[in-house]
PDB file of N, CA and C in Angstrom:
ATOM      1  N   UNK A   1       0.812  -1.188   0.000  1.00  0.00           N
ATOM      2  CA  UNK A   1      -0.005   0.029  -0.039  1.00  0.00           C
ATOM      3  C   UNK A   1       0.872   1.258  -0.190  1.00  0.00           C
ATOM      4  N   UNK A   2       0.476   2.295  -0.819  1.00  0.00           N
ATOM      5  CA  UNK A   2       1.257   3.565  -0.997  1.00  0.00           C
ATOM      6  C   UNK A   2       1.049   4.263   0.293  1.00  0.00           C
ATOM      7  N   UNK A   3       2.045   4.945   0.682  1.00  0.00           N
ATOM      8  CA  UNK A   3       2.011   5.746   1.978  1.00  0.00           C
ATOM      9  C   UNK A   3       1.745   7.312   1.471  1.00  0.00           C
ATOM     10  N   UNK A   4       2.562   7.527   0.330  1.00  0.00           N
ATOM     11  CA  UNK A   4       2.449   9.014  -0.153  1.00  0.00           C
ATOM     12  C   UNK A   4       1.247   9.148  -1.205  1.00  0.00           C
ATOM     13  N   UNK A   5       0.661  10.125  -1.329  1.00  0.00           N
ATOM     14  CA  UNK A   5      -0.426  10.241  -2.239  1.00  0.00           C
ATOM     15  C   UNK A   5      -1.901   9.832  -2.036  1.00  0.00           C
ATOM     16  N   UNK A   6      -2.079   9.545  -0.810  1.00  0.00           N
ATOM     17  CA  UNK A   6      -3.295   8.960  -0.289  1.00  0.00           C
ATOM     18  C   UNK A   6      -4.293  10.068  -0.393  1.00  0.00           C
ATOM     19  N   UNK A   7      -5.264   9.916  -1.053  1.00  0.00           N
ATOM     20  CA  UNK A   7      -6.401  11.102  -1.134  1.00  0.00           C
ATOM     21  C   UNK A   7      -7.576  10.695  -0.139  1.00  0.00           C
ATOM     22  N   UNK A   8      -7.545  11.336   1.003  1.00  0.00           N
ATOM     23  CA  UNK A   8      -8.393  10.999   2.122  1.00  0.00           C
ATOM     24  C   UNK A   8      -9.820  11.311   1.529  1.00  0.00           C
ATOM     25  N   UNK A   9     -10.042  12.320   0.636  1.00  0.00           N
ATOM     26  CA  UNK A   9     -11.400  12.670   0.303  1.00  0.00           C
ATOM     27  C   UNK A   9     -11.972  11.616  -0.414  1.00  0.00           C
ATOM     28  N   UNK A  10     -11.421  10.971  -1.323  1.00  0.00           N
ATOM     29  CA  UNK A  10     -11.827   9.821  -2.100  1.00  0.00           C
ATOM     30  C   UNK A  10     -12.252   8.535  -1.279  1.00  0.00           C
ATOM     31  N   UNK A  11     -11.294   8.422  -0.223  1.00  0.00           N
ATOM     32  CA  UNK A  11     -11.628   7.236   0.737  1.00  0.00           C
ATOM     33  C   UNK A  11     -12.863   7.400   1.550  1.00  0.00           C
ATOM     34  N   UNK A  12     -13.190   8.699   1.794  1.00  0.00           N
ATOM     35  CA  UNK A  12     -14.426   9.004   2.540  1.00  0.00           C
ATOM     36  C   UNK A  12     -15.653   9.223   1.666  1.00  0.00           C
ATOM     37  N   UNK A  13     -15.333   9.330   0.502  1.00  0.00           N
ATOM     38  CA  UNK A  13     -16.639   9.494  -0.571  1.00  0.00           C
ATOM     39  C   UNK A  13     -16.900  10.938  -1.025  1.00  0.00           C
ATOM     40  N   UNK A  14     -15.779  11.705  -0.766  1.00  0.00           N
ATOM     41  CA  UNK A  14     -16.173  13.106  -1.348  1.00  0.00           C
ATOM     42  C   UNK A  14     -16.039  13.156  -2.751  1.00  0.00           C
ATOM     43  N   UNK A  15     -16.691  14.351  -3.451  1.00  0.00           N
ATOM     44  CA  UNK A  15     -16.482  14.096  -4.800  1.00  0.00           C
ATOM     45  C   UNK A  15     -15.143  14.739  -5.321  1.00  0.00           C
ATOM     46  N   UNK A  16     -14.704  14.270  -6.628  1.00  0.00           N
ATOM     47  CA  UNK A  16     -13.477  14.683  -7.140  1.00  0.00           C
ATOM     48  C   UNK A  16     -13.212  16.116  -6.914  1.00  0.00           C
ATOM     49  N   UNK A  17     -11.956  16.237  -6.339  1.00  0.00           N
ATOM     50  CA  UNK A  17     -11.644  17.950  -6.381  1.00  0.00           C
ATOM     51  C   UNK A  17     -11.089  18.340  -7.645  1.00  0.00           C
ATOM     52  N   UNK A  18     -11.422  19.707  -7.942  1.00  0.00           N
ATOM     53  CA  UNK A  18     -10.835  20.332  -9.139  1.00  0.00           C
ATOM     54  C   UNK A  18      -9.986  21.355  -8.781  1.00  0.00           C
ATOM     55  N   UNK A  19      -9.723  21.644  -7.425  1.00  0.00           N
ATOM     56  CA  UNK A  19      -8.896  22.735  -7.028  1.00  0.00           C
ATOM     57  C   UNK A  19      -7.640  22.830  -7.811  1.00  0.00           C
ATOM     58  N   UNK A  20      -6.970  24.030  -7.754  1.00  0.00           N
ATOM     59  CA  UNK A  20      -5.627  24.441  -8.284  1.00  0.00           C
ATOM     60  C   UNK A  20      -4.664  23.392  -7.641  1.00  0.00           C
ATOM     61  N   UNK A  21      -4.052  22.647  -8.514  1.00  0.00           N
ATOM     62  CA  UNK A  21      -2.910  21.745  -7.994  1.00  0.00           C
ATOM     63  C   UNK A  21      -3.315  20.223  -7.818  1.00  0.00           C
ATOM     64  N   UNK A  22      -4.766  19.925  -7.883  1.00  0.00           N
ATOM     65  CA  UNK A  22      -5.331  18.712  -7.834  1.00  0.00           C
ATOM     66  C   UNK A  22      -4.815  17.750  -8.986  1.00  0.00           C
ATOM     67  N   UNK A  23      -5.108  16.386  -8.844  1.00  0.00           N
ATOM     68  CA  UNK A  23      -4.700  15.579 -10.108  1.00  0.00           C
ATOM     69  C   UNK A  23      -5.580  16.219 -11.300  1.00  0.00           C
ATOM     70  N   UNK A  24      -6.957  16.312 -11.086  1.00  0.00           N
ATOM     71  CA  UNK A  24      -7.665  16.703 -12.100  1.00  0.00           C
ATOM     72  C   UNK A  24      -7.176  18.048 -12.829  1.00  0.00           C
ATOM     73  N   UNK A  25      -6.874  19.081 -12.041  1.00  0.00           N
ATOM     74  CA  UNK A  25      -6.475  20.438 -12.519  1.00  0.00           C
ATOM     75  C   UNK A  25      -5.293  20.140 -13.302  1.00  0.00           C
ATOM     76  N   UNK A  26      -4.131  19.309 -12.691  1.00  0.00           N
ATOM     77  CA  UNK A  26      -2.807  19.235 -13.366  1.00  0.00           C
ATOM     78  C   UNK A  26      -2.928  18.463 -14.657  1.00  0.00           C
ATOM     79  N   UNK A  27      -3.961  17.442 -14.930  1.00  0.00           N
ATOM     80  CA  UNK A  27      -4.203  16.937 -16.282  1.00  0.00           C
ATOM     81  C   UNK A  27      -4.884  17.712 -17.191  1.00  0.00           C
ATOM     82  N   UNK A  28      -5.826  18.623 -16.785  1.00  0.00           N
ATOM     83  CA  UNK A  28      -6.382  19.544 -17.501  1.00  0.00           C
ATOM     84  C   UNK A  28      -5.444  20.475 -18.112  1.00  0.00           C
ATOM     85  N   UNK A  29      -4.604  21.056 -17.261  1.00  0.00           N
ATOM     86  CA  UNK A  29      -3.553  22.070 -17.700  1.00  0.00           C
ATOM     87  C   UNK A  29      -2.399  21.396 -18.583  1.00  0.00           C
ATOM     88  N   UNK A  30      -2.118  20.059 -18.297  1.00  0.00           N
ATOM     89  CA  UNK A  30      -1.078  19.386 -19.188  1.00  0.00           C
ATOM     90  C   UNK A  30      -1.757  19.369 -20.612  1.00  0.00           C
ATOM     91  N   UNK A  31      -3.120  18.885 -20.792  1.00  0.00           N
ATOM     92  CA  UNK A  31      -3.734  18.882 -22.056  1.00  0.00           C
ATOM     93  C   UNK A  31      -3.695  20.384 -22.715  1.00  0.00           C
ATOM     94  N   UNK A  32      -3.962  21.331 -21.886  1.00  0.00           N
ATOM     95  CA  UNK A  32      -4.207  22.620 -22.470  1.00  0.00           C
ATOM     96  C   UNK A  32      -2.979  23.212 -22.867  1.00  0.00           C
ATOM     97  N   UNK A  33      -2.025  22.934 -22.388  1.00  0.00           N
ATOM     98  CA  UNK A  33      -0.463  23.458 -22.831  1.00  0.00           C
ATOM     99  C   UNK A  33       0.053  22.411 -23.628  1.00  0.00           C
ATOM    100  N   UNK A  34      -0.672  21.317 -23.987  1.00  0.00           N
ATOM    101  CA  UNK A  34      -0.121  20.154 -24.930  1.00  0.00           C
ATOM    102  C   UNK A  34       1.139  19.708 -24.585  1.00  0.00           C
ATOM    103  N   UNK A  35       1.320  19.404 -23.185  1.00  0.00           N
ATOM    104  CA  UNK A  35       2.639  18.983 -22.615  1.00  0.00           C
ATOM    105  C   UNK A  35       2.522  17.479 -22.665  1.00  0.00           C
ATOM    106  N   UNK A  36       1.436  16.810 -23.120  1.00  0.00           N
ATOM    107  CA  UNK A  36       1.338  15.373 -22.948  1.00  0.00           C
ATOM    108  C   UNK A  36       0.926  14.846 -21.630  1.00  0.00           C
ATOM    109  N   UNK A  37       0.482  13.559 -21.632  1.00  0.00           N
ATOM    110  CA  UNK A  37       0.055  13.068 -20.251  1.00  0.00           C
ATOM    111  C   UNK A  37       1.080  12.608 -19.335  1.00  0.00           C
ATOM    112  N   UNK A  38       1.317  13.187 -18.088  1.00  0.00           N
ATOM    113  CA  UNK A  38       2.327  12.867 -17.235  1.00  0.00           C
ATOM    114  C   UNK A  38       1.661  12.986 -15.923  1.00  0.00           C
ATOM    115  N   UNK A  39       0.908  11.904 -15.411  1.00  0.00           N
ATOM    116  CA  UNK A  39       0.190  12.037 -14.123  1.00  0.00           C
ATOM    117  C   UNK A  39       1.138  12.453 -13.027  1.00  0.00           C
ATOM    118  N   UNK A  40       0.678  13.690 -12.288  1.00  0.00           N
ATOM    119  CA  UNK A  40       1.236  14.203 -10.961  1.00  0.00           C
ATOM    120  C   UNK A  40       0.208  15.089 -10.537  1.00  0.00           C
ATOM    121  N   UNK A  41       0.459  15.699  -9.333  1.00  0.00           N
ATOM    122  CA  UNK A  41      -0.309  16.714  -8.640  1.00  0.00           C
ATOM    123  C   UNK A  41       0.593  17.437  -7.450  1.00  0.00           C
ATOM    124  N   UNK A  42       0.127  18.505  -6.916  1.00  0.00           N
ATOM    125  CA  UNK A  42       0.710  19.202  -6.021  1.00  0.00           C
ATOM    126  C   UNK A  42      -0.077  19.227  -4.815  1.00  0.00           C
ATOM    127  N   UNK A  43       0.605  18.976  -3.562  1.00  0.00           N
ATOM    128  CA  UNK A  43      -0.066  18.976  -2.350  1.00  0.00           C
ATOM    129  C   UNK A  43       0.761  19.279  -1.210  1.00  0.00           C
ATOM    130  N   UNK A  44       0.350  18.721  -0.054  1.00  0.00           N
ATOM    131  CA  UNK A  44       1.238  19.179   1.226  1.00  0.00           C
ATOM    132  C   UNK A  44       0.834  20.510   1.869  1.00  0.00           C
ATOM    133  N   UNK A  45       1.911  21.152   2.178  1.00  0.00           N
ATOM    134  CA  UNK A  45       1.831  22.340   3.034  1.00  0.00           C
ATOM    135  C   UNK A  45       0.922  23.466   2.317  1.00  0.00           C
ATOM    136  N   UNK A  46      -0.138  24.004   3.083  1.00  0.00           N
ATOM    137  CA  UNK A  46      -0.731  25.020   2.424  1.00  0.00           C
ATOM    138  C   UNK A  46       0.032  26.322   2.177  1.00  0.00           C
ATOM    139  N   UNK A  47      -0.345  26.988   1.145  1.00  0.00           N
ATOM    140  CA  UNK A  47       0.401  28.295   0.880  1.00  0.00           C
ATOM    141  C   UNK A  47       1.418  28.213  -0.096  1.00  0.00           C
ATOM    142  N   UNK A  48       1.886  26.846  -0.413  1.00  0.00           N
ATOM    143  CA  UNK A  48       2.815  26.606  -1.287  1.00  0.00           C
ATOM    144  C   UNK A  48       2.404  26.740  -2.852  1.00  0.00           C
ATOM    145  N   UNK A  49       3.229  26.616  -3.732  1.00  0.00           N
ATOM    146  CA  UNK A  49       2.672  26.621  -5.162  1.00  0.00           C
ATOM    147  C   UNK A  49       1.720  25.650  -5.375  1.00  0.00           C
ATOM    148  N   UNK A  50       0.615  26.060  -6.095  1.00  0.00           N
ATOM    149  CA  UNK A  50      -0.512  25.215  -6.526  1.00  0.00           C
ATOM    150  C   UNK A  50      -1.245  24.706  -5.264  1.00  0.00           C
ATOM    151  N   UNK A  51      -1.234  25.395  -4.184  1.00  0.00           N
ATOM    152  CA  UNK A  51      -1.916  24.912  -2.993  1.00  0.00           C
ATOM    153  C   UNK A  51      -1.135  24.005  -2.196  1.00  0.00           C
ATOM    154  N   UNK A  52       0.075  23.608  -2.600  1.00  0.00           N
ATOM    155  CA  UNK A  52       0.717  22.828  -1.661  1.00  0.00           C
ATOM    156  C   UNK A  52       2.379  22.779  -2.338  1.00  0.00           C
ATOM    157  N   UNK A  53       3.215  22.408  -1.518  1.00  0.00           N
ATOM    158  CA  UNK A  53       4.575  22.567  -1.981  1.00  0.00           C
ATOM    159  C   UNK A  53       5.321  21.356  -2.379  1.00  0.00           C
ATOM    160  N   UNK A  54       4.488  20.211  -2.347  1.00  0.00           N
ATOM    161  CA  UNK A  54       5.073  18.881  -2.611  1.00  0.00           C
ATOM    162  C   UNK A  54       4.552  18.503  -3.812  1.00  0.00           C
ATOM    163  N   UNK A  55       5.305  18.153  -4.696  1.00  0.00           N
ATOM    164  CA  UNK A  55       4.919  17.503  -5.988  1.00  0.00           C
ATOM    165  C   UNK A  55       4.963  15.957  -6.010  1.00  0.00           C
ATOM    166  N   UNK A  56       3.860  15.349  -6.161  1.00  0.00           N
ATOM    167  CA  UNK A  56       3.785  13.946  -6.148  1.00  0.00           C
ATOM    168  C   UNK A  56       3.679  13.488  -7.597  1.00  0.00           C
ATOM    169  N   UNK A  57       4.576  12.623  -7.967  1.00  0.00           N
ATOM    170  CA  UNK A  57       4.639  11.962  -9.156  1.00  0.00           C
ATOM    171  C   UNK A  57       3.889  10.629  -9.413  1.00  0.00           C
ATOM    172  N   UNK A  58       3.643  10.157 -10.535  1.00  0.00           N
ATOM    173  CA  UNK A  58       2.621   9.016 -10.749  1.00  0.00           C
ATOM    174  C   UNK A  58       3.016   7.815  -9.833  1.00  0.00           C
ATOM    175  N   UNK A  59       4.123   7.520  -9.658  1.00  0.00           N
ATOM    176  CA  UNK A  59       4.587   6.251  -8.727  1.00  0.00           C
ATOM    177  C   UNK A  59       4.228   6.547  -7.240  1.00  0.00           C
ATOM    178  N   UNK A  60       3.864   7.728  -6.888  1.00  0.00           N
ATOM    179  CA  UNK A  60       3.400   8.207  -5.705  1.00  0.00           C
ATOM    180  C   UNK A  60       1.834   8.436  -5.680  1.00  0.00           C
ATOM    181  N   UNK A  61       1.123   8.196  -6.635  1.00  0.00           N
ATOM    182  CA  UNK A  61      -0.264   8.352  -6.639  1.00  0.00           C
ATOM    183  C   UNK A  61      -0.949   7.190  -6.537  1.00  0.00           C
ATOM    184  N   UNK A  62      -2.041   7.419  -6.071  1.00  0.00           N
ATOM    185  CA  UNK A  62      -3.266   6.153  -5.900  1.00  0.00           C
ATOM    186  C   UNK A  62      -3.764   5.839  -7.367  1.00  0.00           C
ATOM    187  N   UNK A  63      -4.389   4.725  -7.486  1.00  0.00           N
ATOM    188  CA  UNK A  63      -5.235   4.594  -8.750  1.00  0.00           C
ATOM    189  C   UNK A  63      -6.253   5.719  -9.012  1.00  0.00           C
ATOM    190  N   UNK A  64      -6.947   6.118  -7.844  1.00  0.00           N
ATOM    191  CA  UNK A  64      -8.058   7.026  -7.962  1.00  0.00           C
ATOM    192  C   UNK A  64      -7.473   8.306  -8.491  1.00  0.00           C
ATOM    193  N   UNK A  65      -6.387   8.709  -7.895  1.00  0.00           N
ATOM    194  CA  UNK A  65      -5.611  10.088  -8.238  1.00  0.00           C
ATOM    195  C   UNK A  65      -5.145  10.103  -9.760  1.00  0.00           C
ATOM    196  N   UNK A  66      -4.613   8.852 -10.262  1.00  0.00           N
ATOM    197  CA  UNK A  66      -4.400   8.782 -11.647  1.00  0.00           C
ATOM    198  C   UNK A  66      -5.547   8.862 -12.463  1.00  0.00           C
ATOM    199  N   UNK A  67      -6.648   8.308 -12.096  1.00  0.00           N
ATOM    200  CA  UNK A  67      -8.026   8.287 -12.862  1.00  0.00           C
ATOM    201  C   UNK A  67      -8.474   9.782 -13.027  1.00  0.00           C
ATOM    202  N   UNK A  68      -8.296  10.457 -11.885  1.00  0.00           N
ATOM    203  CA  UNK A  68      -8.638  11.973 -11.812  1.00  0.00           C
ATOM    204  C   UNK A  68      -7.918  12.700 -12.624  1.00  0.00           C
ATOM    205  N   UNK A  69      -6.548  12.491 -12.732  1.00  0.00           N
ATOM    206  CA  UNK A  69      -5.597  13.200 -13.609  1.00  0.00           C
ATOM    207  C   UNK A  69      -6.213  12.968 -14.933  1.00  0.00           C
ATOM    208  N   UNK A  70      -6.249  11.734 -15.414  1.00  0.00           N
ATOM    209  CA  UNK A  70      -6.737  11.388 -16.829  1.00  0.00           C
ATOM    210  C   UNK A  70      -8.086  11.844 -16.971  1.00  0.00           C
ATOM    211  N   UNK A  71      -8.886  12.079 -16.206  1.00  0.00           N
ATOM    212  CA  UNK A  71     -10.199  12.610 -16.377  1.00  0.00           C
ATOM    213  C   UNK A  71     -10.202  14.248 -16.866  1.00  0.00           C
ATOM    214  N   UNK A  72      -9.217  14.837 -15.908  1.00  0.00           N
ATOM    215  CA  UNK A  72      -8.940  16.276 -16.354  1.00  0.00           C
ATOM    216  C   UNK A  72      -8.312  16.303 -17.745  1.00  0.00           C
ATOM    217  N   UNK A  73      -7.395  15.576 -18.074  1.00  0.00           N
ATOM    218  CA  UNK A  73      -6.631  15.551 -19.206  1.00  0.00           C
ATOM    219  C   UNK A  73      -7.665  15.290 -20.524  1.00  0.00           C
ATOM    220  N   UNK A  74      -8.331  14.124 -20.314  1.00  0.00           N
ATOM    221  CA  UNK A  74      -9.373  13.748 -21.280  1.00  0.00           C
ATOM    222  C   UNK A  74     -10.531  14.807 -21.423  1.00  0.00           C
ATOM    223  N   UNK A  75     -10.982  15.329 -20.392  1.00  0.00           N
ATOM    224  CA  UNK A  75     -11.893  16.356 -20.611  1.00  0.00           C
ATOM    225  C   UNK A  75     -11.593  17.575 -21.431  1.00  0.00           C
ATOM    226  N   UNK A  76     -10.292  18.130 -21.269  1.00  0.00           N
ATOM    227  CA  UNK A  76      -9.750  19.221 -21.957  1.00  0.00           C
ATOM    228  C   UNK A  76      -9.453  18.671 -23.425  1.00  0.00           C
ATOM    229  N   UNK A  77      -9.073  17.469 -23.682  1.00  0.00           N
ATOM    230  CA  UNK A  77      -8.902  16.842 -25.119  1.00  0.00           C
ATOM    231  C   UNK A  77     -10.200  16.879 -25.732  1.00  0.00           C
ATOM    232  N   UNK A  78     -11.237  16.687 -25.229  1.00  0.00           N
ATOM    233  CA  UNK A  78     -12.539  16.470 -25.842  1.00  0.00           C
ATOM    234  C   UNK A  78     -13.109  17.865 -26.140  1.00  0.00           C
ATOM    235  N   UNK A  79     -12.750  18.750 -25.128  1.00  0.00           N
ATOM    236  CA  UNK A  79     -13.231  20.169 -25.450  1.00  0.00           C
ATOM    237  C   UNK A  79     -12.274  20.894 -26.468  1.00  0.00           C
ATOM    238  N   UNK A  80     -11.256  20.397 -26.832  1.00  0.00           N
ATOM    239  CA  UNK A  80     -10.168  20.922 -27.649  1.00  0.00           C
ATOM    240  C   UNK A  80      -9.794  22.348 -27.249  1.00  0.00           C
ATOM    241  N   UNK A  81      -9.807  22.630 -25.948  1.00  0.00           N
ATOM    242  CA  UNK A  81      -9.337  23.959 -25.584  1.00  0.00           C
ATOM    243  C   UNK A  81      -7.813  23.962 -25.211  1.00  0.00           C
ATOM    244  N   UNK A  82      -7.105  24.356 -26.248  1.00  0.00           N
ATOM    245  CA  UNK A  82      -5.671  24.407 -26.293  1.00  0.00           C
ATOM    246  C   UNK A  82      -5.203  25.762 -26.346  1.00  0.00           C
ATOM    247  N   UNK A  83      -4.060  26.115 -25.619  1.00  0.00           N
ATOM    248  CA  UNK A  83      -3.332  27.235 -25.514  1.00  0.00           C
ATOM    249  C   UNK A  83      -2.948  27.706 -27.064  1.00  0.00           C
ATOM    250  N   UNK A  84      -3.280  28.905 -27.211  1.00  0.00           N
ATOM    251  CA  UNK A  84      -3.045  29.347 -28.725  1.00  0.00           C
ATOM    252  C   UNK A  84      -1.584  30.123 -28.782  1.00  0.00           C
ATOM    253  N   UNK A  85      -0.462  29.514 -29.034  1.00  0.00           N
ATOM    254  CA  UNK A  85       0.701  29.980 -29.158  1.00  0.00           C
ATOM    255  C   UNK A  85       0.976  30.938 -30.235  1.00  0.00           C
TER     256      UNK A  85
END
């Protein structure tokens, strides 16, 4: 069982978080900026970048968090809402 990246909200049944730095938000942003899919999110101490100062990579994420990242990524891909460089 992974100790890092545990999403307490999903364990107790809260809806998927879309706040800045969440897995959903980071997936959505990666698609928007056309960076490709690379599951990660930010969390940890409040007040840091993206609402937390710790970056969690895919190997530190739960299956649920990876699904949330991919939901954000795929939602933006379906919307075709990309940064106009």
